[in-house]
Amino acid sequence: MKKTAPDFTVIFTEDKNGFYINGRRFAADASPMTSARVGTHQHWRIVNQTAELHPFHIHQVHFLAYAENGIPVAQPAWLDTVNVPYRGAVDVILDFTDPSSGACRYSIVIC
């Protein structure tokens, strides 16, 4: 399998003041972190730099979870939530091909 750089990287961190995604303190009403063009697929890497298991959930699209800590998983699966191991990473392919929203871009809120 050819290794390629992800289109987008999500990094979970935390400290005594809270939980952060890409350096931004988590807030349920946060503005989108990125956007994607309808009709595309994107490779994302979700990195968990914390000392505990964290779920990754994204609204609007499903994703194929295919590698954990750089190792292909035995049975890749289409999901809407995946647990990211502590001090580990999960690679996913997000499917932005459903144009049913009528928009030309997805605005991505990560939680």
N, C-alpha and C. Protein backbone atom coordinates (compact mmCIF):
# COMPACT_ATOMS: atom_id res chain seq x y z
N MET A 1 0.85 -1.18 0.00
CA MET A 1 0.00 0.00 0.00
C MET A 1 0.90 1.24 0.00
N LYS A 2 0.62 2.13 -0.92
CA LYS A 2 1.39 3.38 -1.01
C LYS A 2 0.97 4.32 0.12
N LYS A 3 1.95 4.85 0.82
CA LYS A 3 1.65 5.80 1.89
C LYS A 3 1.59 7.20 1.31
N THR A 4 0.53 7.90 1.61
CA THR A 4 0.37 9.27 1.15
C THR A 4 0.07 10.18 2.32
N ALA A 5 0.43 11.42 2.16
CA ALA A 5 0.14 12.40 3.21
C ALA A 5 -1.36 12.65 3.25
N PRO A 6 -1.91 12.83 4.42
CA PRO A 6 -3.35 13.11 4.52
C PRO A 6 -3.70 14.48 3.94
N ASP A 7 -4.95 14.61 3.49
CA ASP A 7 -5.47 15.90 3.04
C ASP A 7 -5.70 16.84 4.22
N PHE A 8 -6.00 16.26 5.39
CA PHE A 8 -6.29 17.04 6.59
C PHE A 8 -5.92 16.19 7.79
N THR A 9 -5.38 16.81 8.82
CA THR A 9 -5.03 16.11 10.05
C THR A 9 -5.79 16.72 11.20
N VAL A 10 -6.40 15.87 12.00
CA VAL A 10 -7.12 16.26 13.20
C VAL A 10 -6.27 15.83 14.38
N ILE A 11 -5.94 16.76 15.28
CA ILE A 11 -5.09 16.44 16.42
C ILE A 11 -5.84 16.75 17.72
N PHE A 12 -6.04 15.70 18.54
CA PHE A 12 -6.66 15.86 19.84
C PHE A 12 -5.58 16.07 20.89
N THR A 13 -5.74 17.10 21.72
CA THR A 13 -4.88 17.33 22.87
C THR A 13 -5.77 17.76 24.03
N GLU A 14 -5.22 17.74 25.22
CA GLU A 14 -5.96 18.25 26.38
C GLU A 14 -4.99 18.69 27.45
N ASP A 15 -5.49 19.55 28.31
CA ASP A 15 -4.74 19.98 29.47
C ASP A 15 -5.73 20.25 30.59
N LYS A 16 -5.28 20.84 31.67
CA LYS A 16 -6.17 21.07 32.82
C LYS A 16 -7.32 22.01 32.49
N ASN A 17 -7.21 22.76 31.39
CA ASN A 17 -8.27 23.70 31.02
C ASN A 17 -9.26 23.16 30.01
N GLY A 18 -9.01 21.96 29.46
CA GLY A 18 -9.98 21.40 28.54
C GLY A 18 -9.41 20.53 27.45
N PHE A 19 -10.28 20.23 26.50
CA PHE A 19 -9.98 19.36 25.36
C PHE A 19 -9.86 20.24 24.13
N TYR A 20 -8.89 19.95 23.26
CA TYR A 20 -8.61 20.78 22.09
C TYR A 20 -8.59 19.93 20.83
N ILE A 21 -9.04 20.53 19.75
CA ILE A 21 -8.96 19.93 18.43
C ILE A 21 -8.18 20.91 17.57
N ASN A 22 -7.02 20.47 17.09
CA ASN A 22 -6.13 21.33 16.30
C ASN A 22 -5.84 22.66 17.00
N GLY A 23 -5.62 22.56 18.30
CA GLY A 23 -5.25 23.74 19.08
C GLY A 23 -6.40 24.63 19.50
N ARG A 24 -7.61 24.32 19.04
CA ARG A 24 -8.79 25.12 19.42
C ARG A 24 -9.56 24.38 20.50
N ARG A 25 -9.86 25.09 21.58
CA ARG A 25 -10.63 24.48 22.66
C ARG A 25 -11.97 24.02 22.12
N PHE A 26 -12.36 22.79 22.46
CA PHE A 26 -13.60 22.24 21.95
C PHE A 26 -14.79 23.07 22.43
N ALA A 27 -15.69 23.36 21.49
CA ALA A 27 -16.96 24.02 21.79
C ALA A 27 -17.98 23.46 20.81
N ALA A 28 -19.12 23.04 21.32
CA ALA A 28 -20.15 22.45 20.47
C ALA A 28 -20.63 23.40 19.38
N ASP A 29 -20.50 24.70 19.62
CA ASP A 29 -20.97 25.68 18.64
C ASP A 29 -19.83 26.31 17.84
N ALA A 30 -18.69 25.63 17.79
CA ALA A 30 -17.52 26.16 17.07
C ALA A 30 -17.79 26.27 15.57
N SER A 31 -17.11 27.18 14.93
CA SER A 31 -17.23 27.31 13.48
C SER A 31 -16.50 26.14 12.82
N PRO A 32 -16.82 25.86 11.57
CA PRO A 32 -16.16 24.74 10.87
C PRO A 32 -14.65 24.91 10.81
N MET A 33 -13.93 23.80 10.89
CA MET A 33 -12.46 23.82 10.81
C MET A 33 -11.96 23.72 9.39
N THR A 34 -12.76 23.14 8.52
CA THR A 34 -12.35 22.96 7.13
C THR A 34 -13.59 22.77 6.29
N SER A 35 -13.40 22.70 5.00
CA SER A 35 -14.52 22.41 4.10
C SER A 35 -14.03 21.45 3.03
N ALA A 36 -14.96 20.80 2.36
CA ALA A 36 -14.62 19.84 1.31
C ALA A 36 -15.59 20.01 0.15
N ARG A 37 -15.08 19.86 -1.04
CA ARG A 37 -15.91 19.97 -2.24
C ARG A 37 -16.75 18.71 -2.41
N VAL A 38 -18.04 18.89 -2.69
CA VAL A 38 -18.93 17.77 -2.97
C VAL A 38 -18.38 17.03 -4.19
N GLY A 39 -18.44 15.71 -4.14
CA GLY A 39 -17.96 14.89 -5.24
C GLY A 39 -16.56 14.36 -5.02
N THR A 40 -15.97 14.64 -3.85
CA THR A 40 -14.60 14.23 -3.58
C THR A 40 -14.54 13.21 -2.44
N HIS A 41 -13.39 12.59 -2.33
CA HIS A 41 -13.01 11.78 -1.17
C HIS A 41 -11.77 12.45 -0.59
N GLN A 42 -11.61 12.39 0.73
CA GLN A 42 -10.42 12.94 1.36
C GLN A 42 -9.84 11.95 2.35
N HIS A 43 -8.52 11.90 2.40
CA HIS A 43 -7.79 11.10 3.38
C HIS A 43 -7.49 11.99 4.58
N TRP A 44 -7.98 11.60 5.73
CA TRP A 44 -7.71 12.33 6.96
C TRP A 44 -6.97 11.41 7.92
N ARG A 45 -6.12 12.00 8.74
CA ARG A 45 -5.48 11.28 9.84
C ARG A 45 -5.95 11.93 11.13
N ILE A 46 -6.49 11.12 12.02
CA ILE A 46 -6.93 11.60 13.33
C ILE A 46 -5.90 11.14 14.35
N VAL A 47 -5.26 12.10 15.01
CA VAL A 47 -4.17 11.84 15.94
C VAL A 47 -4.64 12.18 17.35
N ASN A 48 -4.48 11.24 18.25
CA ASN A 48 -4.87 11.45 19.64
C ASN A 48 -3.61 11.55 20.50
N GLN A 49 -3.25 12.75 20.90
CA GLN A 49 -2.06 12.97 21.72
C GLN A 49 -2.37 12.97 23.21
N THR A 50 -3.56 12.52 23.57
CA THR A 50 -3.94 12.50 24.99
C THR A 50 -3.63 11.13 25.59
N ALA A 51 -3.84 11.01 26.88
CA ALA A 51 -3.58 9.77 27.60
C ALA A 51 -4.84 8.93 27.78
N GLU A 52 -5.88 9.20 26.98
CA GLU A 52 -7.10 8.40 27.07
C GLU A 52 -7.71 8.19 25.70
N LEU A 53 -8.50 7.16 25.57
CA LEU A 53 -9.21 6.84 24.34
C LEU A 53 -10.18 7.97 24.01
N HIS A 54 -10.22 8.40 22.75
CA HIS A 54 -11.17 9.44 22.35
C HIS A 54 -11.92 9.00 21.11
N PRO A 55 -13.25 9.15 21.10
CA PRO A 55 -13.98 8.88 19.87
C PRO A 55 -13.85 10.05 18.90
N PHE A 56 -13.88 9.75 17.62
CA PHE A 56 -13.93 10.76 16.56
C PHE A 56 -15.26 10.57 15.87
N HIS A 57 -16.03 11.64 15.79
CA HIS A 57 -17.35 11.61 15.16
C HIS A 57 -17.46 12.81 14.24
N ILE A 58 -18.02 12.59 13.09
CA ILE A 58 -18.21 13.70 12.17
C ILE A 58 -19.65 13.64 11.65
N HIS A 59 -20.25 14.80 11.57
CA HIS A 59 -21.61 14.89 11.06
C HIS A 59 -21.57 14.99 9.54
N GLN A 60 -22.61 14.60 8.88
CA GLN A 60 -22.83 14.78 7.44
C GLN A 60 -22.29 13.66 6.58
N VAL A 61 -21.20 12.99 6.93
CA VAL A 61 -20.60 11.99 6.05
C VAL A 61 -20.13 10.77 6.84
N HIS A 62 -20.02 9.65 6.14
CA HIS A 62 -19.41 8.46 6.70
C HIS A 62 -17.97 8.39 6.23
N PHE A 63 -17.19 7.56 6.88
CA PHE A 63 -15.80 7.42 6.50
C PHE A 63 -15.38 5.97 6.60
N LEU A 64 -14.37 5.62 5.80
CA LEU A 64 -13.80 4.29 5.83
C LEU A 64 -12.57 4.33 6.73
N ALA A 65 -12.64 3.65 7.87
CA ALA A 65 -11.50 3.55 8.77
C ALA A 65 -10.65 2.39 8.29
N TYR A 66 -9.42 2.68 7.82
CA TYR A 66 -8.64 1.62 7.19
C TYR A 66 -7.27 1.37 7.81
N ALA A 67 -6.79 2.22 8.71
CA ALA A 67 -5.50 1.98 9.34
C ALA A 67 -5.50 2.55 10.75
N GLU A 68 -4.79 1.85 11.64
CA GLU A 68 -4.60 2.33 13.01
C GLU A 68 -3.12 2.30 13.31
N ASN A 69 -2.60 3.44 13.74
CA ASN A 69 -1.17 3.58 14.04
C ASN A 69 -0.31 3.16 12.84
N GLY A 70 -0.79 3.49 11.64
CA GLY A 70 -0.04 3.21 10.42
C GLY A 70 -0.14 1.79 9.91
N ILE A 71 -0.90 0.95 10.59
CA ILE A 71 -1.04 -0.45 10.19
C ILE A 71 -2.45 -0.68 9.66
N PRO A 72 -2.58 -1.25 8.44
CA PRO A 72 -3.92 -1.52 7.90
C PRO A 72 -4.73 -2.40 8.86
N VAL A 73 -6.01 -2.07 9.03
CA VAL A 73 -6.88 -2.88 9.89
C VAL A 73 -7.33 -4.11 9.11
N ALA A 74 -7.65 -5.17 9.83
CA ALA A 74 -8.04 -6.44 9.19
C ALA A 74 -9.32 -6.31 8.39
N GLN A 75 -10.28 -5.55 8.91
CA GLN A 75 -11.57 -5.40 8.24
C GLN A 75 -11.96 -3.92 8.21
N PRO A 76 -11.51 -3.18 7.19
CA PRO A 76 -11.92 -1.78 7.08
C PRO A 76 -13.45 -1.68 7.06
N ALA A 77 -13.98 -0.63 7.68
CA ALA A 77 -15.43 -0.50 7.78
C ALA A 77 -15.85 0.96 7.60
N TRP A 78 -17.05 1.14 7.02
CA TRP A 78 -17.64 2.47 6.89
C TRP A 78 -18.33 2.79 8.21
N LEU A 79 -17.96 3.93 8.81
CA LEU A 79 -18.42 4.30 10.14
C LEU A 79 -18.83 5.77 10.18
N ASP A 80 -19.44 6.19 11.29
CA ASP A 80 -19.60 7.61 11.55
C ASP A 80 -18.92 7.99 12.86
N THR A 81 -18.42 6.98 13.59
CA THR A 81 -17.65 7.19 14.82
C THR A 81 -16.57 6.12 14.91
N VAL A 82 -15.37 6.52 15.31
CA VAL A 82 -14.29 5.56 15.52
C VAL A 82 -13.54 5.97 16.78
N ASN A 83 -13.11 4.98 17.56
CA ASN A 83 -12.29 5.27 18.74
C ASN A 83 -10.83 5.39 18.31
N VAL A 84 -10.22 6.49 18.72
CA VAL A 84 -8.82 6.75 18.40
C VAL A 84 -8.00 6.40 19.64
N PRO A 85 -7.09 5.45 19.53
CA PRO A 85 -6.35 5.02 20.73
C PRO A 85 -5.51 6.14 21.31
N TYR A 86 -5.29 6.08 22.62
CA TYR A 86 -4.47 7.12 23.24
C TYR A 86 -3.06 7.05 22.67
N ARG A 87 -2.51 8.25 22.45
CA ARG A 87 -1.19 8.40 21.83
C ARG A 87 -1.08 7.61 20.53
N GLY A 88 -2.19 7.59 19.77
CA GLY A 88 -2.23 6.84 18.52
C GLY A 88 -2.92 7.63 17.43
N ALA A 89 -3.16 6.96 16.30
CA ALA A 89 -3.78 7.62 15.16
C ALA A 89 -4.63 6.63 14.37
N VAL A 90 -5.62 7.17 13.69
CA VAL A 90 -6.47 6.39 12.79
C VAL A 90 -6.52 7.14 11.46
N ASP A 91 -6.35 6.39 10.35
CA ASP A 91 -6.48 6.97 9.02
C ASP A 91 -7.84 6.59 8.45
N VAL A 92 -8.50 7.58 7.85
CA VAL A 92 -9.83 7.37 7.29
C VAL A 92 -9.93 8.03 5.91
N ILE A 93 -10.86 7.52 5.12
CA ILE A 93 -11.23 8.15 3.85
C ILE A 93 -12.66 8.64 4.02
N LEU A 94 -12.86 9.93 3.88
CA LEU A 94 -14.20 10.51 4.02
C LEU A 94 -14.84 10.62 2.65
N ASP A 95 -16.14 10.31 2.60
CA ASP A 95 -16.89 10.28 1.35
C ASP A 95 -17.77 11.53 1.27
N PHE A 96 -17.35 12.48 0.45
CA PHE A 96 -18.10 13.72 0.25
C PHE A 96 -18.83 13.71 -1.09
N THR A 97 -19.24 12.51 -1.56
CA THR A 97 -19.82 12.40 -2.90
C THR A 97 -21.33 12.54 -2.94
N ASP A 98 -22.00 12.67 -1.81
CA ASP A 98 -23.46 12.77 -1.82
C ASP A 98 -23.90 14.22 -1.97
N PRO A 99 -24.37 14.59 -3.15
CA PRO A 99 -24.77 15.98 -3.38
C PRO A 99 -26.19 16.31 -2.92
N SER A 100 -26.82 15.43 -2.13
CA SER A 100 -28.23 15.63 -1.76
C SER A 100 -28.46 16.90 -0.94
N SER A 101 -27.39 17.45 -0.35
CA SER A 101 -27.57 18.66 0.44
C SER A 101 -27.84 19.88 -0.44
N GLY A 102 -27.53 19.78 -1.74
CA GLY A 102 -27.74 20.91 -2.64
C GLY A 102 -26.60 21.90 -2.61
N ALA A 103 -25.65 21.72 -1.71
CA ALA A 103 -24.52 22.65 -1.62
C ALA A 103 -23.37 22.14 -2.48
N CYS A 104 -22.44 23.02 -2.79
CA CYS A 104 -21.25 22.58 -3.55
C CYS A 104 -20.09 22.29 -2.62
N ARG A 105 -20.24 22.63 -1.33
CA ARG A 105 -19.17 22.35 -0.36
C ARG A 105 -19.81 21.89 0.94
N TYR A 106 -19.08 21.05 1.66
CA TYR A 106 -19.44 20.66 3.01
C TYR A 106 -18.63 21.53 3.96
N SER A 107 -19.26 22.06 4.99
CA SER A 107 -18.53 22.72 6.08
C SER A 107 -18.41 21.70 7.19
N ILE A 108 -17.22 21.45 7.67
CA ILE A 108 -16.95 20.32 8.54
C ILE A 108 -16.81 20.76 9.99
N VAL A 109 -17.71 20.23 10.82
CA VAL A 109 -17.64 20.43 12.27
C VAL A 109 -17.20 19.11 12.87
N ILE A 110 -16.12 19.12 13.64
CA ILE A 110 -15.53 17.91 14.21
C ILE A 110 -15.83 17.87 15.69
N CYS A 111 -16.22 16.69 16.17
CA CYS A 111 -16.44 16.51 17.60
C CYS A 111 -16.04 15.14 18.04
